Amino acid sequence: MFGTLGMPELILIFVVALLLFGPRKMPDIGRSIGRALGEFRRASNEFKRTIEDEVAADEIREVEKDLKEIKDTINAPVDSPPARTAAPEEKESGGS
């Protein structure tokens, strides 16, 4: 839960905070820390959601671009086939 902080480290931090701030301030400090962590979590989730939305929008733009290219290819005017030039007639060889 706390990464590399183990139970002994957490107890030490609690004891130091208790000595510095006293027992009356500890509940207020705990609430403040809880609010700060909750706000940080909400902000990070919102940031993550924003990034995911931008990636999805970029993918949609890419697909729209591909579809437009396909549409332009389909609707492009068809060139008339090149005119055939008359080929010289080959002489028929009369069986030897």
C-alpha atoms as a PDB file:
ATOM      1  CA  MET A   1       0.000   0.000   0.000  1.00  0.00           C
ATOM      2  CA  PHE A   2       2.741   2.453   0.891  1.00  0.00           C
ATOM      3  CA  GLY A   3       5.417   1.148  -1.459  1.00  0.00           C
ATOM      4  CA  THR A   4       8.695   0.553   0.325  1.00  0.00           C
ATOM      5  CA  LEU A   5       7.445   1.815   3.717  1.00  0.00           C
ATOM      6  CA  GLY A   6       6.997  -1.036   6.140  1.00  0.00           C
ATOM      7  CA  MET A   7       5.166  -1.159   9.447  1.00  0.00           C
ATOM      8  CA  PRO A   8       8.187  -0.023  11.533  1.00  0.00           C
ATOM      9  CA  GLU A   9       8.682   3.050   9.317  1.00  0.00           C
ATOM     10  CA  LEU A  10       5.000   3.975   9.530  1.00  0.00           C
ATOM     11  CA  ILE A  11       5.029   3.650  13.333  1.00  0.00           C
ATOM     12  CA  LEU A  12       8.118   5.868  13.534  1.00  0.00           C
ATOM     13  CA  ILE A  13       6.485   8.525  11.328  1.00  0.00           C
ATOM     14  CA  PHE A  14       3.327   8.390  13.472  1.00  0.00           C
ATOM     15  CA  VAL A  15       5.304   8.762  16.726  1.00  0.00           C
ATOM     16  CA  VAL A  16       7.321  11.714  15.352  1.00  0.00           C
ATOM     17  CA  ALA A  17       4.136  13.409  14.116  1.00  0.00           C
ATOM     18  CA  LEU A  18       2.480  12.802  17.482  1.00  0.00           C
ATOM     19  CA  LEU A  19       5.425  14.389  19.298  1.00  0.00           C
ATOM     20  CA  LEU A  20       5.565  17.371  16.917  1.00  0.00           C
ATOM     21  CA  PHE A  21       1.869  18.186  16.638  1.00  0.00           C
ATOM     22  CA  GLY A  22       0.317  16.666  19.758  1.00  0.00           C
ATOM     23  CA  PRO A  23      -2.717  14.397  20.074  1.00  0.00           C
ATOM     24  CA  ARG A  24      -5.255  17.194  19.505  1.00  0.00           C
ATOM     25  CA  LYS A  25      -3.960  18.150  16.060  1.00  0.00           C
ATOM     26  CA  MET A  26      -3.517  14.586  14.742  1.00  0.00           C
ATOM     27  CA  PRO A  27      -7.162  14.073  13.606  1.00  0.00           C
ATOM     28  CA  ASP A  28      -7.092  17.376  11.692  1.00  0.00           C
ATOM     29  CA  ILE A  29      -3.788  16.490  10.086  1.00  0.00           C
ATOM     30  CA  GLY A  30      -5.120  13.035   9.161  1.00  0.00           C
ATOM     31  CA  ARG A  31      -8.212  14.567   7.532  1.00  0.00           C
ATOM     32  CA  SER A  32      -6.072  17.075   5.640  1.00  0.00           C
ATOM     33  CA  ILE A  33      -3.780  14.347   4.356  1.00  0.00           C
ATOM     34  CA  GLY A  34      -6.793  12.212   3.384  1.00  0.00           C
ATOM     35  CA  ARG A  35      -8.372  15.086   1.461  1.00  0.00           C
ATOM     36  CA  ALA A  36      -5.091  15.867  -0.273  1.00  0.00           C
ATOM     37  CA  LEU A  37      -4.633  12.238  -1.307  1.00  0.00           C
ATOM     38  CA  GLY A  38      -8.237  12.044  -2.563  1.00  0.00           C
ATOM     39  CA  GLU A  39      -7.839  15.236  -4.565  1.00  0.00           C
ATOM     40  CA  PHE A  40      -4.557  13.984  -6.009  1.00  0.00           C
ATOM     41  CA  ARG A  41      -6.204  10.688  -6.984  1.00  0.00           C
ATOM     42  CA  ARG A  42      -9.099  12.522  -8.684  1.00  0.00           C
ATOM     43  CA  ALA A  43      -6.704  14.811 -10.545  1.00  0.00           C
ATOM     44  CA  SER A  44      -4.556  11.907 -11.724  1.00  0.00           C
ATOM     45  CA  ASN A  45      -7.655   9.979 -12.877  1.00  0.00           C
ATOM     46  CA  GLU A  46      -8.883  13.045 -14.754  1.00  0.00           C
ATOM     47  CA  PHE A  47      -5.465  13.485 -16.370  1.00  0.00           C
ATOM     48  CA  LYS A  48      -5.416   9.813 -17.365  1.00  0.00           C
ATOM     49  CA  ARG A  49      -8.928  10.110 -18.809  1.00  0.00           C
ATOM     50  CA  THR A  50      -7.912  13.221 -20.769  1.00  0.00           C
ATOM     51  CA  ILE A  51      -4.908  11.436 -22.263  1.00  0.00           C
ATOM     52  CA  GLU A  52      -7.036   8.415 -23.203  1.00  0.00           C
ATOM     53  CA  ASP A  53      -9.641  10.705 -24.812  1.00  0.00           C
ATOM     54  CA  GLU A  54      -6.963  12.470 -26.863  1.00  0.00           C
ATOM     55  CA  VAL A  55      -5.524   9.155 -28.043  1.00  0.00           C
ATOM     56  CA  ALA A  56      -9.014   7.975 -29.046  1.00  0.00           C
ATOM     57  CA  ALA A  57      -9.709  11.272 -30.850  1.00  0.00           C
ATOM     58  CA  ASP A  58      -6.400  10.953 -32.711  1.00  0.00           C
ATOM     59  CA  GLU A  59      -7.321   7.413 -33.788  1.00  0.00           C
ATOM     60  CA  ILE A  60     -10.731   8.665 -34.984  1.00  0.00           C
ATOM     61  CA  ARG A  61      -9.073  11.457 -36.992  1.00  0.00           C
ATOM     62  CA  GLU A  62      -6.748   8.891 -38.566  1.00  0.00           C
ATOM     63  CA  VAL A  63      -9.690   6.656 -39.557  1.00  0.00           C
ATOM     64  CA  GLU A  64     -11.603   9.663 -40.948  1.00  0.00           C
ATOM     65  CA  LYS A  65      -8.543  10.610 -43.009  1.00  0.00           C
ATOM     66  CA  ASP A  66      -8.277   7.066 -44.380  1.00  0.00           C
ATOM     67  CA  LEU A  67     -12.003   7.016 -45.212  1.00  0.00           C
ATOM     68  CA  LYS A  68     -11.728  10.373 -47.009  1.00  0.00           C
ATOM     69  CA  GLU A  69      -8.810   9.066 -49.063  1.00  0.00           C
ATOM     70  CA  ILE A  70     -10.815   5.971 -49.997  1.00  0.00           C
ATOM     71  CA  LYS A  71     -13.840   8.106 -50.879  1.00  0.00           C
ATOM     72  CA  ASP A  72     -11.713  10.393 -53.033  1.00  0.00           C
ATOM     73  CA  THR A  73     -10.231   7.371 -54.777  1.00  0.00           C
ATOM     74  CA  ILE A  74     -13.675   5.914 -55.471  1.00  0.00           C
ATOM     75  CA  ASN A  75     -15.119   9.215 -56.692  1.00  0.00           C
ATOM     76  CA  ALA A  76     -12.087  10.141 -58.810  1.00  0.00           C
ATOM     77  CA  PRO A  77     -12.947  10.529 -62.505  1.00  0.00           C
ATOM     78  CA  VAL A  78     -12.048   7.499 -64.535  1.00  0.00           C
ATOM     79  CA  ASP A  79      -9.650   8.294 -67.352  1.00  0.00           C
ATOM     80  CA  SER A  80     -10.737   7.011 -70.723  1.00  0.00           C
ATOM     81  CA  PRO A  81      -8.633   4.099 -71.903  1.00  0.00           C
ATOM     82  CA  PRO A  82      -5.791   5.085 -74.206  1.00  0.00           C
ATOM     83  CA  ALA A  83      -6.651   5.057 -77.888  1.00  0.00           C
ATOM     84  CA  ARG A  84      -5.536   1.911 -79.598  1.00  0.00           C
ATOM     85  CA  THR A  85      -3.196   2.401 -82.448  1.00  0.00           C
ATOM     86  CA  ALA A  86      -3.655   0.184 -85.418  1.00  0.00           C
ATOM     87  CA  ALA A  87      -0.990  -2.438 -85.367  1.00  0.00           C
ATOM     88  CA  PRO A  88       0.434  -3.432 -88.717  1.00  0.00           C
ATOM     89  CA  GLU A  89      -1.129  -6.637 -89.839  1.00  0.00           C
ATOM     90  CA  GLU A  90       1.167  -9.521 -89.805  1.00  0.00           C
ATOM     91  CA  LYS A  91       1.558 -11.426 -92.965  1.00  0.00           C
ATOM     92  CA  GLU A  92       0.157 -14.822 -92.802  1.00  0.00           C
ATOM     93  CA  SER A  93       2.586 -17.400 -93.811  1.00  0.00           C
ATOM     94  CA  GLY A  94       1.118 -19.945 -96.059  1.00  0.00           C
ATOM     95  CA  GLY A  95       2.134 -23.253 -94.516  1.00  0.00           C
ATOM     96  CA  SER A  96       5.434 -24.539 -95.808  1.00  0.00           C
END
